[in-house]
Full PDB file with SEQRES, HELIX, SHEET, SSBOND, CRYST1, ORIGX, SCALE, CONECT and MASTER records, all heavy atoms in Angstrom:
SEQRES   1 A   34  LEU TYR ASP ARG PRO ALA ASN VAL PHE VAL ALA GLY PHE          
SEQRES   2 A   34  ILE GLY SER PRO ALA MET ASN LEU ARG THR VAL LYS VAL          
SEQRES   3 A   34  ALA ASP GLY GLY ALA GLU ILE ALA                              
HELIX    1 AA1 VAL A    8  PHE A   13  1                                   6    
CRYST1    1.000    1.000    1.000  90.00  90.00  90.00 P 1           1          
ORIGX1      1.000000  0.000000  0.000000        0.00000                         
ORIGX2      0.000000  1.000000  0.000000        0.00000                         
ORIGX3      0.000000  0.000000  1.000000        0.00000                         
SCALE1      1.000000  0.000000  0.000000        0.00000                         
SCALE2      0.000000  1.000000  0.000000        0.00000                         
SCALE3      0.000000  0.000000  1.000000        0.00000                         
ATOM      1  N   LEU A   1       0.833  -1.207  -0.001  1.00  0.00           N  
ATOM      2  CA  LEU A   1      -0.001  -0.001  -0.002  1.00  0.00           C  
ATOM      3  C   LEU A   1       0.856   1.254   0.002  1.00  0.00           C  
ATOM      4  O   LEU A   1       0.540   2.240  -0.659  1.00  0.00           O  
ATOM      5  CB  LEU A   1      -0.911   0.024   1.240  1.00  0.00           C  
ATOM      6  CG  LEU A   1      -2.119  -0.901   1.260  1.00  0.00           C  
ATOM      7  CD1 LEU A   1      -2.869  -0.726   2.573  1.00  0.00           C  
ATOM      8  CD2 LEU A   1      -3.045  -0.643   0.093  1.00  0.00           C  
ATOM      9  N   TYR A   2       1.951   1.201   0.747  1.00  0.00           N  
ATOM     10  CA  TYR A   2       2.826   2.371   0.860  1.00  0.00           C  
ATOM     11  C   TYR A   2       3.645   2.563  -0.405  1.00  0.00           C  
ATOM     12  O   TYR A   2       3.782   3.690  -0.909  1.00  0.00           O  
ATOM     13  CB  TYR A   2       3.762   2.188   2.060  1.00  0.00           C  
ATOM     14  CG  TYR A   2       4.493   3.450   2.472  1.00  0.00           C  
ATOM     15  CD1 TYR A   2       3.873   4.399   3.273  1.00  0.00           C  
ATOM     16  CD2 TYR A   2       5.798   3.692   2.060  1.00  0.00           C  
ATOM     17  CE1 TYR A   2       4.536   5.562   3.662  1.00  0.00           C  
ATOM     18  CE2 TYR A   2       6.468   4.847   2.436  1.00  0.00           C  
ATOM     19  CZ  TYR A   2       5.832   5.775   3.237  1.00  0.00           C  
ATOM     20  OH  TYR A   2       6.493   6.924   3.607  1.00  0.00           O  
ATOM     21  N   ASP A   3       4.183   1.468  -0.951  1.00  0.00           N  
ATOM     22  CA  ASP A   3       5.083   1.559  -2.112  1.00  0.00           C  
ATOM     23  C   ASP A   3       4.353   1.662  -3.453  1.00  0.00           C  
ATOM     24  O   ASP A   3       4.863   2.287  -4.376  1.00  0.00           O  
ATOM     25  CB  ASP A   3       6.012   0.341  -2.145  1.00  0.00           C  
ATOM     26  CG  ASP A   3       7.082   0.394  -1.059  1.00  0.00           C  
ATOM     27  OD1 ASP A   3       7.295   1.482  -0.485  1.00  0.00           O  
ATOM     28  OD2 ASP A   3       7.690  -0.657  -0.791  1.00  0.00           O  
ATOM     29  N   ARG A   4       3.167   1.037  -3.548  1.00  0.00           N  
ATOM     30  CA  ARG A   4       2.442   1.028  -4.827  1.00  0.00           C  
ATOM     31  C   ARG A   4       0.951   1.262  -4.612  1.00  0.00           C  
ATOM     32  O   ARG A   4       0.122   0.358  -4.845  1.00  0.00           O  
ATOM     33  CB  ARG A   4       2.670  -0.284  -5.581  1.00  0.00           C  
ATOM     34  CG  ARG A   4       4.089  -0.444  -6.102  1.00  0.00           C  
ATOM     35  CD  ARG A   4       4.196  -1.608  -7.082  1.00  0.00           C  
ATOM     36  NE  ARG A   4       3.391  -1.434  -8.270  1.00  0.00           N  
ATOM     37  CZ  ARG A   4       3.732  -0.687  -9.329  1.00  0.00           C  
ATOM     38  NH1 ARG A   4       4.866  -0.010  -9.316  1.00  0.00           N  
ATOM     39  NH2 ARG A   4       2.946  -0.605 -10.383  1.00  0.00           N  
ATOM     40  N   PRO A   5       0.572   2.461  -4.145  1.00  0.00           N  
ATOM     41  CA  PRO A   5      -0.857   2.752  -3.981  1.00  0.00           C  
ATOM     42  C   PRO A   5      -1.574   2.685  -5.333  1.00  0.00           C  
ATOM     43  O   PRO A   5      -1.049   3.122  -6.346  1.00  0.00           O  
ATOM     44  CB  PRO A   5      -0.867   4.174  -3.413  1.00  0.00           C  
ATOM     45  CG  PRO A   5       0.473   4.754  -3.782  1.00  0.00           C  
ATOM     46  CD  PRO A   5       1.429   3.613  -3.801  1.00  0.00           C  
ATOM     47  N   ALA A   6      -2.787   2.133  -5.308  1.00  0.00           N  
ATOM     48  CA  ALA A   6      -3.514   1.889  -6.565  1.00  0.00           C  
ATOM     49  C   ALA A   6      -4.099   3.156  -7.178  1.00  0.00           C  
ATOM     50  O   ALA A   6      -4.356   3.203  -8.370  1.00  0.00           O  
ATOM     51  CB  ALA A   6      -4.635   0.873  -6.324  1.00  0.00           C  
ATOM     52  N   ASN A   7      -4.329   4.171  -6.354  1.00  0.00           N  
ATOM     53  CA  ASN A   7      -4.917   5.398  -6.873  1.00  0.00           C  
ATOM     54  C   ASN A   7      -4.537   6.578  -5.979  1.00  0.00           C  
ATOM     55  O   ASN A   7      -3.868   6.411  -4.954  1.00  0.00           O  
ATOM     56  CB  ASN A   7      -6.437   5.269  -7.004  1.00  0.00           C  
ATOM     57  CG  ASN A   7      -7.110   4.856  -5.708  1.00  0.00           C  
ATOM     58  OD1 ASN A   7      -6.760   5.363  -4.641  1.00  0.00           O  
ATOM     59  ND2 ASN A   7      -8.086   3.965  -5.799  1.00  0.00           N  
ATOM     60  N   VAL A   8      -4.976   7.761  -6.378  1.00  0.00           N  
ATOM     61  CA  VAL A   8      -4.625   8.990  -5.668  1.00  0.00           C  
ATOM     62  C   VAL A   8      -5.153   8.984  -4.240  1.00  0.00           C  
ATOM     63  O   VAL A   8      -4.482   9.444  -3.310  1.00  0.00           O  
ATOM     64  CB  VAL A   8      -5.170  10.224  -6.437  1.00  0.00           C  
ATOM     65  CG1 VAL A   8      -5.129  11.475  -5.575  1.00  0.00           C  
ATOM     66  CG2 VAL A   8      -4.369  10.456  -7.711  1.00  0.00           C  
ATOM     67  N   PHE A   9      -6.354   8.431  -4.036  1.00  0.00           N  
ATOM     68  CA  PHE A   9      -6.913   8.425  -2.681  1.00  0.00           C  
ATOM     69  C   PHE A   9      -6.037   7.607  -1.731  1.00  0.00           C  
ATOM     70  O   PHE A   9      -5.703   8.072  -0.637  1.00  0.00           O  
ATOM     71  CB  PHE A   9      -8.341   7.874  -2.670  1.00  0.00           C  
ATOM     72  CG  PHE A   9      -8.897   7.771  -1.287  1.00  0.00           C  
ATOM     73  CD1 PHE A   9      -9.373   8.892  -0.623  1.00  0.00           C  
ATOM     74  CD2 PHE A   9      -8.919   6.545  -0.619  1.00  0.00           C  
ATOM     75  CE1 PHE A   9      -9.853   8.801   0.675  1.00  0.00           C  
ATOM     76  CE2 PHE A   9      -9.394   6.447   0.681  1.00  0.00           C  
ATOM     77  CZ  PHE A   9      -9.874   7.575   1.319  1.00  0.00           C  
ATOM     78  N   VAL A  10      -5.686   6.395  -2.134  1.00  0.00           N  
ATOM     79  CA  VAL A  10      -4.850   5.547  -1.268  1.00  0.00           C  
ATOM     80  C   VAL A  10      -3.481   6.211  -1.042  1.00  0.00           C  
ATOM     81  O   VAL A  10      -2.954   6.209   0.063  1.00  0.00           O  
ATOM     82  CB  VAL A  10      -4.683   4.140  -1.886  1.00  0.00           C  
ATOM     83  CG1 VAL A  10      -3.741   3.287  -1.036  1.00  0.00           C  
ATOM     84  CG2 VAL A  10      -6.030   3.453  -2.030  1.00  0.00           C  
ATOM     85  N   ALA A  11      -2.938   6.796  -2.112  1.00  0.00           N  
ATOM     86  CA  ALA A  11      -1.633   7.458  -2.002  1.00  0.00           C  
ATOM     87  C   ALA A  11      -1.657   8.570  -0.965  1.00  0.00           C  
ATOM     88  O   ALA A  11      -0.732   8.739  -0.168  1.00  0.00           O  
ATOM     89  CB  ALA A  11      -1.227   8.024  -3.372  1.00  0.00           C  
ATOM     90  N   GLY A  12      -2.752   9.367  -0.965  1.00  0.00           N  
ATOM     91  CA  GLY A  12      -2.841  10.479  -0.032  1.00  0.00           C  
ATOM     92  C   GLY A  12      -3.257  10.072   1.359  1.00  0.00           C  
ATOM     93  O   GLY A  12      -2.943  10.773   2.330  1.00  0.00           O  
ATOM     94  N   PHE A  13      -3.935   8.917   1.478  1.00  0.00           N  
ATOM     95  CA  PHE A  13      -4.435   8.494   2.794  1.00  0.00           C  
ATOM     96  C   PHE A  13      -3.381   7.731   3.587  1.00  0.00           C  
ATOM     97  O   PHE A  13      -3.282   7.879   4.801  1.00  0.00           O  
ATOM     98  CB  PHE A  13      -5.685   7.639   2.619  1.00  0.00           C  
ATOM     99  CG  PHE A  13      -6.397   7.347   3.912  1.00  0.00           C  
ATOM    100  CD1 PHE A  13      -7.251   8.294   4.469  1.00  0.00           C  
ATOM    101  CD2 PHE A  13      -6.190   6.162   4.590  1.00  0.00           C  
ATOM    102  CE1 PHE A  13      -7.903   8.040   5.671  1.00  0.00           C  
ATOM    103  CE2 PHE A  13      -6.826   5.898   5.802  1.00  0.00           C  
ATOM    104  CZ  PHE A  13      -7.689   6.853   6.336  1.00  0.00           C  
ATOM    105  N   ILE A  14      -2.604   6.911   2.898  1.00  0.00           N  
ATOM    106  CA  ILE A  14      -1.617   6.070   3.574  1.00  0.00           C  
ATOM    107  C   ILE A  14      -0.289   6.807   3.657  1.00  0.00           C  
ATOM    108  O   ILE A  14       0.270   7.218   2.636  1.00  0.00           O  
ATOM    109  CB  ILE A  14      -1.437   4.721   2.843  1.00  0.00           C  
ATOM    110  CG1 ILE A  14      -2.754   3.923   2.846  1.00  0.00           C  
ATOM    111  CG2 ILE A  14      -0.312   3.916   3.455  1.00  0.00           C  
ATOM    112  CD1 ILE A  14      -3.217   3.472   4.211  1.00  0.00           C  
ATOM    113  N   GLY A  15       0.237   6.924   4.849  1.00  0.00           N  
ATOM    114  CA  GLY A  15       1.514   7.595   5.054  1.00  0.00           C  
ATOM    115  C   GLY A  15       1.350   8.820   5.924  1.00  0.00           C  
ATOM    116  O   GLY A  15       0.373   9.551   5.805  1.00  0.00           O  
ATOM    117  N   SER A  16       2.311   9.039   6.822  1.00  0.00           N  
ATOM    118  CA  SER A  16       2.268  10.204   7.707  1.00  0.00           C  
ATOM    119  C   SER A  16       3.672  10.756   7.888  1.00  0.00           C  
ATOM    120  O   SER A  16       4.543  10.038   8.381  1.00  0.00           O  
ATOM    121  CB  SER A  16       1.680   9.822   9.070  1.00  0.00           C  
ATOM    122  OG  SER A  16       1.608  10.919   9.937  1.00  0.00           O  
ATOM    123  N   PRO A  17       3.924  12.016   7.435  1.00  0.00           N  
ATOM    124  CA  PRO A  17       3.025  12.921   6.728  1.00  0.00           C  
ATOM    125  C   PRO A  17       2.595  12.335   5.378  1.00  0.00           C  
ATOM    126  O   PRO A  17       3.206  11.398   4.863  1.00  0.00           O  
ATOM    127  CB  PRO A  17       3.879  14.172   6.528  1.00  0.00           C  
ATOM    128  CG  PRO A  17       4.994  14.088   7.490  1.00  0.00           C  
ATOM    129  CD  PRO A  17       5.250  12.623   7.658  1.00  0.00           C  
ATOM    130  N   ALA A  18       1.541  12.927   4.830  1.00  0.00           N  
ATOM    131  CA  ALA A  18       0.956  12.393   3.604  1.00  0.00           C  
ATOM    132  C   ALA A  18       1.875  12.581   2.401  1.00  0.00           C  
ATOM    133  O   ALA A  18       2.769  13.433   2.405  1.00  0.00           O  
ATOM    134  CB  ALA A  18      -0.379  13.094   3.340  1.00  0.00           C  
ATOM    135  N   MET A  19       1.630  11.748   1.384  1.00  0.00           N  
ATOM    136  CA  MET A  19       2.354  11.899   0.123  1.00  0.00           C  
ATOM    137  C   MET A  19       2.044  13.257  -0.494  1.00  0.00           C  
ATOM    138  O   MET A  19       0.925  13.760  -0.420  1.00  0.00           O  
ATOM    139  CB  MET A  19       1.949  10.778  -0.842  1.00  0.00           C  
ATOM    140  CG  MET A  19       2.663  10.841  -2.197  1.00  0.00           C  
ATOM    141  SD  MET A  19       2.046   9.632  -3.402  1.00  0.00           S  
ATOM    142  CE  MET A  19       2.733   8.121  -2.784  1.00  0.00           C  
ATOM    143  N   ASN A  20       3.059  13.885  -1.101  1.00  0.00           N  
ATOM    144  CA  ASN A  20       2.850  15.099  -1.892  1.00  0.00           C  
ATOM    145  C   ASN A  20       2.174  14.701  -3.199  1.00  0.00           C  
ATOM    146  O   ASN A  20       2.641  13.804  -3.909  1.00  0.00           O  
ATOM    147  CB  ASN A  20       4.190  15.773  -2.203  1.00  0.00           C  
ATOM    148  CG  ASN A  20       4.922  16.212  -0.951  1.00  0.00           C  
ATOM    149  OD1 ASN A  20       4.554  17.188  -0.311  1.00  0.00           O  
ATOM    150  ND2 ASN A  20       5.975  15.469  -0.586  1.00  0.00           N  
ATOM    151  N   LEU A  21       1.082  15.368  -3.553  1.00  0.00           N  
ATOM    152  CA  LEU A  21       0.342  15.084  -4.789  1.00  0.00           C  
ATOM    153  C   LEU A  21       0.078  16.389  -5.510  1.00  0.00           C  
ATOM    154  O   LEU A  21      -0.484  17.323  -4.934  1.00  0.00           O  
ATOM    155  CB  LEU A  21      -0.977  14.377  -4.476  1.00  0.00           C  
ATOM    156  CG  LEU A  21      -0.879  12.953  -3.917  1.00  0.00           C  
ATOM    157  CD1 LEU A  21      -2.195  12.538  -3.277  1.00  0.00           C  
ATOM    158  CD2 LEU A  21      -0.484  11.975  -5.007  1.00  0.00           C  
ATOM    159  N   ARG A  22       0.513  16.464  -6.779  1.00  0.00           N  
ATOM    160  CA  ARG A  22       0.287  17.678  -7.576  1.00  0.00           C  
ATOM    161  C   ARG A  22      -0.073  17.287  -9.008  1.00  0.00           C  
ATOM    162  O   ARG A  22       0.555  16.405  -9.594  1.00  0.00           O  
ATOM    163  CB  ARG A  22       1.545  18.554  -7.599  1.00  0.00           C  
ATOM    164  CG  ARG A  22       1.881  19.178  -6.270  1.00  0.00           C  
ATOM    165  CD  ARG A  22       2.868  20.320  -6.417  1.00  0.00           C  
ATOM    166  NE  ARG A  22       2.301  21.452  -7.147  1.00  0.00           N  
ATOM    167  CZ  ARG A  22       1.500  22.353  -6.599  1.00  0.00           C  
ATOM    168  NH1 ARG A  22       1.140  22.262  -5.336  1.00  0.00           N  
ATOM    169  NH2 ARG A  22       1.043  23.369  -7.328  1.00  0.00           N  
ATOM    170  N   THR A  23      -1.080  17.937  -9.544  1.00  0.00           N  
ATOM    171  CA  THR A  23      -1.428  17.752 -10.946  1.00  0.00           C  
ATOM    172  C   THR A  23      -0.578  18.721 -11.771  1.00  0.00           C  
ATOM    173  O   THR A  23      -0.600  19.940 -11.530  1.00  0.00           O  
ATOM    174  CB  THR A  23      -2.913  17.997 -11.199  1.00  0.00           C  
ATOM    175  OG1 THR A  23      -3.674  17.062 -10.414  1.00  0.00           O  
ATOM    176  CG2 THR A  23      -3.265  17.808 -12.668  1.00  0.00           C  
ATOM    177  N   VAL A  24       0.199  18.179 -12.686  1.00  0.00           N  
ATOM    178  CA  VAL A  24       1.196  18.977 -13.409  1.00  0.00           C  
ATOM    179  C   VAL A  24       1.084  18.736 -14.906  1.00  0.00           C  
ATOM    180  O   VAL A  24       0.542  17.729 -15.372  1.00  0.00           O  
ATOM    181  CB  VAL A  24       2.628  18.625 -12.940  1.00  0.00           C  
ATOM    182  CG1 VAL A  24       2.824  18.994 -11.478  1.00  0.00           C  
ATOM    183  CG2 VAL A  24       2.935  17.144 -13.170  1.00  0.00           C  
ATOM    184  N   LYS A  25       1.625  19.674 -15.687  1.00  0.00           N  
ATOM    185  CA  LYS A  25       1.692  19.540 -17.137  1.00  0.00           C  
ATOM    186  C   LYS A  25       2.850  18.630 -17.519  1.00  0.00           C  
ATOM    187  O   LYS A  25       3.875  18.588 -16.841  1.00  0.00           O  
ATOM    188  CB  LYS A  25       1.875  20.911 -17.780  1.00  0.00           C  
ATOM    189  CG  LYS A  25       0.665  21.834 -17.657  1.00  0.00           C  
ATOM    190  CD  LYS A  25      -0.501  21.327 -18.487  1.00  0.00           C  
ATOM    191  CE  LYS A  25      -1.684  22.281 -18.447  1.00  0.00           C  
ATOM    192  NZ  LYS A  25      -2.835  21.728 -19.208  1.00  0.00           N  
ATOM    193  N   VAL A  26       2.674  17.936 -18.645  1.00  0.00           N  
ATOM    194  CA  VAL A  26       3.730  17.041 -19.144  1.00  0.00           C  
ATOM    195  C   VAL A  26       4.139  17.495 -20.539  1.00  0.00           C  
ATOM    196  O   VAL A  26       3.289  17.753 -21.394  1.00  0.00           O  
ATOM    197  CB  VAL A  26       3.235  15.580 -19.207  1.00  0.00           C  
ATOM    198  CG1 VAL A  26       4.312  14.676 -19.796  1.00  0.00           C  
ATOM    199  CG2 VAL A  26       2.839  15.096 -17.829  1.00  0.00           C  
ATOM    200  N   ALA A  27       5.450  17.604 -20.748  1.00  0.00           N  
ATOM    201  CA  ALA A  27       5.969  17.977 -22.071  1.00  0.00           C  
ATOM    202  C   ALA A  27       7.390  17.461 -22.209  1.00  0.00           C  
ATOM    203  O   ALA A  27       8.156  17.466 -21.235  1.00  0.00           O  
ATOM    204  CB  ALA A  27       5.946  19.502 -22.248  1.00  0.00           C  
ATOM    205  N   ASP A  28       7.732  16.981 -23.411  1.00  0.00           N  
ATOM    206  CA  ASP A  28       9.090  16.503 -23.704  1.00  0.00           C  
ATOM    207  C   ASP A  28       9.583  15.472 -22.689  1.00  0.00           C  
ATOM    208  O   ASP A  28      10.732  15.497 -22.251  1.00  0.00           O  
ATOM    209  CB  ASP A  28      10.072  17.689 -23.737  1.00  0.00           C  
ATOM    210  CG  ASP A  28       9.705  18.711 -24.808  1.00  0.00           C  
ATOM    211  OD1 ASP A  28       9.207  18.289 -25.869  1.00  0.00           O  
ATOM    212  OD2 ASP A  28       9.892  19.920 -24.557  1.00  0.00           O  
ATOM    213  N   GLY A  29       8.687  14.565 -22.322  1.00  0.00           N  
ATOM    214  CA  GLY A  29       9.084  13.449 -21.446  1.00  0.00           C  
ATOM    215  C   GLY A  29       9.314  13.834 -19.997  1.00  0.00           C  
ATOM    216  O   GLY A  29       9.898  13.060 -19.225  1.00  0.00           O  
ATOM    217  N   GLY A  30       8.847  15.014 -19.599  1.00  0.00           N  
ATOM    218  CA  GLY A  30       9.033  15.442 -18.224  1.00  0.00           C  
ATOM    219  C   GLY A  30       7.814  16.166 -17.692  1.00  0.00           C  
ATOM    220  O   GLY A  30       6.939  16.600 -18.436  1.00  0.00           O  
ATOM    221  N   ALA A  31       7.737  16.281 -16.360  1.00  0.00           N  
ATOM    222  CA  ALA A  31       6.655  17.002 -15.702  1.00  0.00           C  
ATOM    223  C   ALA A  31       7.193  18.331 -15.197  1.00  0.00           C  
ATOM    224  O   ALA A  31       8.346  18.416 -14.763  1.00  0.00           O  
ATOM    225  CB  ALA A  31       6.106  16.180 -14.545  1.00  0.00           C  
ATOM    226  N   GLU A  32       6.356  19.347 -15.236  1.00  0.00           N  
ATOM    227  CA  GLU A  32       6.814  20.670 -14.827  1.00  0.00           C  
ATOM    228  C   GLU A  32       6.314  21.015 -13.423  1.00  0.00           C  
ATOM    229  O   GLU A  32       5.117  21.023 -13.156  1.00  0.00           O  
ATOM    230  CB  GLU A  32       6.325  21.731 -15.809  1.00  0.00           C  
ATOM    231  CG  GLU A  32       6.874  23.130 -15.502  1.00  0.00           C  
ATOM    232  CD  GLU A  32       6.322  24.192 -16.435  1.00  0.00           C  
ATOM    233  OE1 GLU A  32       6.274  23.931 -17.658  1.00  0.00           O  
ATOM    234  OE2 GLU A  32       5.938  25.256 -15.931  1.00  0.00           O  
ATOM    235  N   ILE A  33       7.260  21.295 -12.519  1.00  0.00           N  
ATOM    236  CA  ILE A  33       6.934  21.752 -11.155  1.00  0.00           C  
ATOM    237  C   ILE A  33       7.660  23.067 -10.921  1.00  0.00           C  
ATOM    238  O   ILE A  33       8.894  23.111 -10.947  1.00  0.00           O  
ATOM    239  CB  ILE A  33       7.354  20.721 -10.073  1.00  0.00           C  
ATOM    240  CG1 ILE A  33       6.653  19.384 -10.289  1.00  0.00           C  
ATOM    241  CG2 ILE A  33       7.031  21.258  -8.684  1.00  0.00           C  
ATOM    242  CD1 ILE A  33       7.007  18.337  -9.263  1.00  0.00           C  
ATOM    243  N   ALA A  34       6.902  24.127 -10.715  1.00  0.00           N  
ATOM    244  CA  ALA A  34       7.459  25.458 -10.435  1.00  0.00           C  
ATOM    245  C   ALA A  34       8.515  25.850 -11.460  1.00  0.00           C  
ATOM    246  O   ALA A  34       9.600  26.341 -11.110  1.00  0.00           O  
ATOM    247  CB  ALA A  34       8.033  25.505  -9.023  1.00  0.00           C  
TER     248      ALA A  34                                                      
MASTER        0    0    0    1    0    0    0    6  247    1    0    3          
END                                                                             
């Protein structure tokens, strides 16, 4: 559950502090953060 959560809900629910989750744009094989 911790290493391979099946979806966003499980990912955010399991773990303390919670997993960081961000919806980001994808371009040229990479994701853009800030």
